[in-house]
C-alpha atoms as a PDB file:
ATOM      1  CA  MET A   1     -42.263  53.630 -34.139  1.00  0.00           C
ATOM      2  CA  VAL A   2     -40.077  51.563 -36.567  1.00  0.00           C
ATOM      3  CA  THR A   3     -41.879  49.066 -38.727  1.00  0.00           C
ATOM      4  CA  THR A   4     -39.120  47.666 -40.689  1.00  0.00           C
ATOM      5  CA  LEU A   5     -35.597  46.724 -39.863  1.00  0.00           C
ATOM      6  CA  PRO A   6     -32.783  49.130 -41.352  1.00  0.00           C
ATOM      7  CA  ALA A   7     -31.053  47.596 -44.398  1.00  0.00           C
ATOM      8  CA  PHE A   8     -27.829  46.826 -42.502  1.00  0.00           C
ATOM      9  CA  VAL A   9     -29.592  44.552 -39.962  1.00  0.00           C
ATOM     10  CA  THR A  10     -29.294  41.008 -41.114  1.00  0.00           C
ATOM     11  CA  GLN A  11     -30.613  37.559 -39.971  1.00  0.00           C
ATOM     12  CA  PRO A  12     -28.554  35.879 -37.344  1.00  0.00           C
ATOM     13  CA  GLU A  13     -26.093  33.372 -38.908  1.00  0.00           C
ATOM     14  CA  ILE A  14     -24.942  29.756 -38.130  1.00  0.00           C
ATOM     15  CA  ILE A  15     -21.849  29.821 -36.271  1.00  0.00           C
ATOM     16  CA  THR A  16     -19.690  26.700 -36.337  1.00  0.00           C
ATOM     17  CA  LYS A  17     -16.609  26.225 -34.144  1.00  0.00           C
ATOM     18  CA  VAL A  18     -14.458  23.624 -32.681  1.00  0.00           C
ATOM     19  CA  ILE A  19     -15.404  23.043 -29.130  1.00  0.00           C
ATOM     20  CA  ASP A  20     -13.780  21.272 -26.180  1.00  0.00           C
ATOM     21  CA  TYR A  21     -15.833  18.192 -25.361  1.00  0.00           C
ATOM     22  CA  ASP A  22     -15.689  18.625 -21.633  1.00  0.00           C
ATOM     23  CA  ARG A  23     -16.860  22.212 -21.716  1.00  0.00           C
ATOM     24  CA  GLY A  24     -19.383  21.579 -24.412  1.00  0.00           C
ATOM     25  CA  LYS A  25     -20.751  18.111 -23.899  1.00  0.00           C
ATOM     26  CA  ALA A  26     -24.165  19.303 -22.717  1.00  0.00           C
ATOM     27  CA  LEU A  27     -24.763  21.134 -25.790  1.00  0.00           C
ATOM     28  CA  ILE A  28     -23.270  18.458 -28.064  1.00  0.00           C
ATOM     29  CA  HIS A  29     -25.548  15.876 -26.583  1.00  0.00           C
ATOM     30  CA  GLN A  30     -28.458  18.068 -26.693  1.00  0.00           C
ATOM     31  CA  VAL A  31     -28.434  17.978 -30.450  1.00  0.00           C
ATOM     32  CA  ARG A  32     -27.318  14.312 -30.743  1.00  0.00           C
ATOM     33  CA  THR A  33     -29.978  13.138 -28.435  1.00  0.00           C
ATOM     34  CA  ALA A  34     -32.763  14.980 -30.137  1.00  0.00           C
ATOM     35  CA  VAL A  35     -31.662  13.515 -33.507  1.00  0.00           C
ATOM     36  CA  PHE A  36     -30.358  10.036 -32.758  1.00  0.00           C
ATOM     37  CA  VAL A  37     -32.272   8.953 -29.721  1.00  0.00           C
ATOM     38  CA  HIS A  38     -35.537  10.783 -30.128  1.00  0.00           C
ATOM     39  CA  GLU A  39     -35.964  10.893 -33.934  1.00  0.00           C
ATOM     40  CA  GLN A  40     -34.043   7.789 -34.814  1.00  0.00           C
ATOM     41  CA  ASN A  41     -34.578   5.562 -31.812  1.00  0.00           C
ATOM     42  CA  VAL A  42     -31.035   4.759 -31.293  1.00  0.00           C
ATOM     43  CA  PRO A  43     -30.571   3.588 -27.607  1.00  0.00           C
ATOM     44  CA  ALA A  44     -29.392   6.309 -25.378  1.00  0.00           C
ATOM     45  CA  ASP A  45     -26.698   4.211 -23.963  1.00  0.00           C
ATOM     46  CA  LEU A  46     -25.031   3.667 -27.513  1.00  0.00           C
ATOM     47  CA  GLU A  47     -25.191   7.340 -28.455  1.00  0.00           C
ATOM     48  CA  ILE A  48     -22.348   8.264 -26.082  1.00  0.00           C
ATOM     49  CA  ASP A  49     -19.110   6.231 -26.408  1.00  0.00           C
ATOM     50  CA  HIS A  50     -15.491   6.099 -25.361  1.00  0.00           C
ATOM     51  CA  LEU A  51     -14.372   8.226 -28.376  1.00  0.00           C
ATOM     52  CA  ASP A  52     -16.140  11.260 -27.453  1.00  0.00           C
ATOM     53  CA  GLY A  53     -13.661  12.273 -24.861  1.00  0.00           C
ATOM     54  CA  ILE A  54     -10.595  11.852 -27.331  1.00  0.00           C
ATOM     55  CA  SER A  55     -12.384  13.241 -30.461  1.00  0.00           C
ATOM     56  CA  GLN A  56     -12.485  16.766 -31.796  1.00  0.00           C
ATOM     57  CA  HIS A  57     -15.966  18.295 -31.950  1.00  0.00           C
ATOM     58  CA  VAL A  58     -17.631  20.982 -33.982  1.00  0.00           C
ATOM     59  CA  LEU A  59     -20.723  22.679 -32.627  1.00  0.00           C
ATOM     60  CA  ALA A  60     -23.060  24.787 -34.827  1.00  0.00           C
ATOM     61  CA  THR A  61     -25.200  27.436 -33.087  1.00  0.00           C
ATOM     62  CA  TYR A  62     -28.055  29.548 -34.325  1.00  0.00           C
ATOM     63  CA  GLU A  63     -28.953  32.526 -32.117  1.00  0.00           C
ATOM     64  CA  GLY A  64     -26.822  31.061 -29.328  1.00  0.00           C
ATOM     65  CA  HIS A  65     -28.734  27.645 -29.435  1.00  0.00           C
ATOM     66  CA  PRO A  66     -27.028  24.337 -30.330  1.00  0.00           C
ATOM     67  CA  VAL A  67     -28.384  23.183 -33.689  1.00  0.00           C
ATOM     68  CA  GLY A  68     -25.750  20.890 -35.143  1.00  0.00           C
ATOM     69  CA  THR A  69     -22.672  18.832 -34.339  1.00  0.00           C
ATOM     70  CA  GLY A  70     -20.157  16.273 -35.615  1.00  0.00           C
ATOM     71  CA  ARG A  71     -16.769  14.798 -34.441  1.00  0.00           C
ATOM     72  CA  LEU A  72     -13.361  13.724 -35.808  1.00  0.00           C
ATOM     73  CA  THR A  73     -11.669  10.784 -33.983  1.00  0.00           C
ATOM     74  CA  PRO A  74      -7.870  10.465 -33.697  1.00  0.00           C
ATOM     75  CA  GLN A  75      -8.096   7.701 -36.342  1.00  0.00           C
ATOM     76  CA  GLY A  76      -9.574  10.019 -38.918  1.00  0.00           C
ATOM     77  CA  ARG A  77     -13.301   8.856 -38.661  1.00  0.00           C
ATOM     78  CA  ILE A  78     -16.010  11.502 -38.916  1.00  0.00           C
ATOM     79  CA  GLY A  79     -19.069  10.658 -36.983  1.00  0.00           C
ATOM     80  CA  ARG A  80     -22.075  11.676 -34.914  1.00  0.00           C
ATOM     81  CA  VAL A  81     -22.927  14.271 -37.512  1.00  0.00           C
ATOM     82  CA  ALA A  82     -26.362  15.701 -36.493  1.00  0.00           C
ATOM     83  CA  VAL A  83     -28.493  18.765 -37.422  1.00  0.00           C
ATOM     84  CA  ALA A  84     -31.695  19.843 -35.585  1.00  0.00           C
ATOM     85  CA  ARG A  85     -34.722  19.166 -37.746  1.00  0.00           C
ATOM     86  CA  PRO A  86     -35.829  22.835 -38.259  1.00  0.00           C
ATOM     87  CA  LEU A  87     -32.361  23.790 -39.769  1.00  0.00           C
ATOM     88  CA  ARG A  88     -31.821  20.947 -42.118  1.00  0.00           C
ATOM     89  CA  ARG A  89     -31.132  21.601 -45.634  1.00  0.00           C
ATOM     90  CA  GLN A  90     -29.952  25.195 -44.741  1.00  0.00           C
ATOM     91  CA  GLY A  91     -26.182  24.456 -44.962  1.00  0.00           C
ATOM     92  CA  VAL A  92     -25.556  23.634 -41.380  1.00  0.00           C
ATOM     93  CA  GLY A  93     -24.379  20.142 -42.020  1.00  0.00           C
ATOM     94  CA  GLN A  94     -22.119  21.355 -44.749  1.00  0.00           C
ATOM     95  CA  GLN A  95     -20.447  23.916 -42.473  1.00  0.00           C
ATOM     96  CA  ILE A  96     -20.012  21.289 -39.981  1.00  0.00           C
ATOM     97  CA  MET A  97     -18.360  18.890 -42.409  1.00  0.00           C
ATOM     98  CA  GLU A  98     -16.240  21.622 -43.941  1.00  0.00           C
ATOM     99  CA  GLN A  99     -14.855  22.386 -40.536  1.00  0.00           C
ATOM    100  CA  LEU A 100     -14.349  18.741 -39.768  1.00  0.00           C
ATOM    101  CA  LEU A 101     -12.333  18.277 -43.051  1.00  0.00           C
ATOM    102  CA  VAL A 102     -10.117  21.222 -42.100  1.00  0.00           C
ATOM    103  CA  LEU A 103      -9.389  19.618 -38.763  1.00  0.00           C
ATOM    104  CA  ALA A 104      -8.609  16.253 -40.489  1.00  0.00           C
ATOM    105  CA  GLN A 105      -6.190  18.175 -42.885  1.00  0.00           C
ATOM    106  CA  ARG A 106      -4.502  19.978 -39.967  1.00  0.00           C
ATOM    107  CA  HIS A 107      -3.986  16.611 -38.166  1.00  0.00           C
ATOM    108  CA  HIS A 108      -2.423  15.307 -41.427  1.00  0.00           C
ATOM    109  CA  HIS A 109      -4.969  12.555 -42.054  1.00  0.00           C
ATOM    110  CA  ARG A 110      -4.450  11.249 -45.563  1.00  0.00           C
ATOM    111  CA  GLU A 111      -8.133  10.288 -45.772  1.00  0.00           C
ATOM    112  CA  VAL A 112     -11.294  10.383 -43.633  1.00  0.00           C
ATOM    113  CA  VAL A 113     -13.786   7.670 -43.247  1.00  0.00           C
ATOM    114  CA  LEU A 114     -17.487   7.847 -42.175  1.00  0.00           C
ATOM    115  CA  SER A 115     -20.548   5.693 -41.853  1.00  0.00           C
ATOM    116  CA  ALA A 116     -23.280   7.339 -43.769  1.00  0.00           C
ATOM    117  CA  GLN A 117     -27.013   6.618 -43.187  1.00  0.00           C
ATOM    118  CA  ARG A 118     -28.465   5.765 -46.625  1.00  0.00           C
ATOM    119  CA  HIS A 119     -30.541   8.906 -46.797  1.00  0.00           C
ATOM    120  CA  ALA A 120     -27.419  11.071 -46.429  1.00  0.00           C
ATOM    121  CA  ILE A 121     -25.331   9.405 -49.182  1.00  0.00           C
ATOM    122  CA  ALA A 122     -25.924  12.193 -51.679  1.00  0.00           C
ATOM    123  CA  PHE A 123     -24.965  14.909 -49.062  1.00  0.00           C
ATOM    124  CA  TYR A 124     -21.561  13.158 -48.432  1.00  0.00           C
ATOM    125  CA  GLU A 125     -21.052  12.538 -52.250  1.00  0.00           C
ATOM    126  CA  LYS A 126     -21.364  16.312 -52.871  1.00  0.00           C
ATOM    127  CA  LEU A 127     -18.585  16.827 -50.373  1.00  0.00           C
ATOM    128  CA  GLY A 128     -16.329  14.297 -52.232  1.00  0.00           C
ATOM    129  CA  PHE A 129     -16.935  11.159 -50.371  1.00  0.00           C
ATOM    130  CA  LYS A 130     -17.126   7.857 -52.216  1.00  0.00           C
ATOM    131  CA  CYS A 131     -19.223   4.744 -51.200  1.00  0.00           C
ATOM    132  CA  GLU A 132     -17.415   1.653 -50.663  1.00  0.00           C
ATOM    133  CA  GLY A 133     -18.595  -1.861 -49.814  1.00  0.00           C
ATOM    134  CA  GLU A 134     -21.991  -3.194 -49.105  1.00  0.00           C
ATOM    135  CA  ALA A 135     -24.751  -1.492 -47.004  1.00  0.00           C
ATOM    136  CA  TYR A 136     -25.063  -2.718 -43.561  1.00  0.00           C
ATOM    137  CA  LEU A 137     -27.498  -2.449 -40.558  1.00  0.00           C
ATOM    138  CA  GLU A 138     -26.265  -0.566 -37.530  1.00  0.00           C
ATOM    139  CA  VAL A 139     -28.748   0.200 -34.682  1.00  0.00           C
ATOM    140  CA  GLY A 140     -31.617  -0.682 -37.009  1.00  0.00           C
ATOM    141  CA  ILE A 141     -30.565   1.915 -39.533  1.00  0.00           C
ATOM    142  CA  TRP A 142     -28.902   1.133 -43.014  1.00  0.00           C
ATOM    143  CA  HIS A 143     -25.420   2.620 -43.466  1.00  0.00           C
ATOM    144  CA  VAL A 144     -22.670   2.585 -46.014  1.00  0.00           C
ATOM    145  CA  THR A 145     -19.006   3.265 -45.466  1.00  0.00           C
ATOM    146  CA  MET A 146     -17.805   6.286 -47.269  1.00  0.00           C
ATOM    147  CA  ARG A 147     -14.281   7.641 -47.820  1.00  0.00           C
ATOM    148  CA  LYS A 148     -12.511  10.840 -48.880  1.00  0.00           C
ATOM    149  CA  GLN A 149      -8.956  11.396 -49.697  1.00  0.00           C
ATOM    150  CA  ILE A 150      -7.399  14.454 -48.190  1.00  0.00           C
ATOM    151  CA  PHE A 151      -4.980  16.414 -50.355  1.00  0.00           C
ATOM    152  CA  PHE A 152      -2.269  18.672 -48.988  1.00  0.00           C
ATOM    153  CA  GLY A 153      -1.272  21.624 -51.082  1.00  0.00           C
END
């Protein structure tokens, strides 16, 4: 009987990939509903909007289960970034954001803009985003607009 794993067996990793909205919307909304609707009390009818169908989406999975998501709109706005509670502060959000930034660059956006919840400002600052303007209340949660220039090289 084997009591320990061989050295070459590693922990499953987080996989992030661009996912077609129509094919992946159930997985995308599973994460977003858990985070925004159940945890943050965002009304369910506001969580899904007309931009979902025309945006590019990134989905993070762990052992095949959806654990994070985010989207990039055609206008260069990043939004609906959400990570399941058990996997926060494990690099999932950073992986999602890095993939969204690559997508923005591929689509020749000179900059990206997002609406950050106050508690997430430091996370986005580490990724090179800068705050602009005053904080504002959206669906009962304080946000601030943040912007990042995209450089082509």
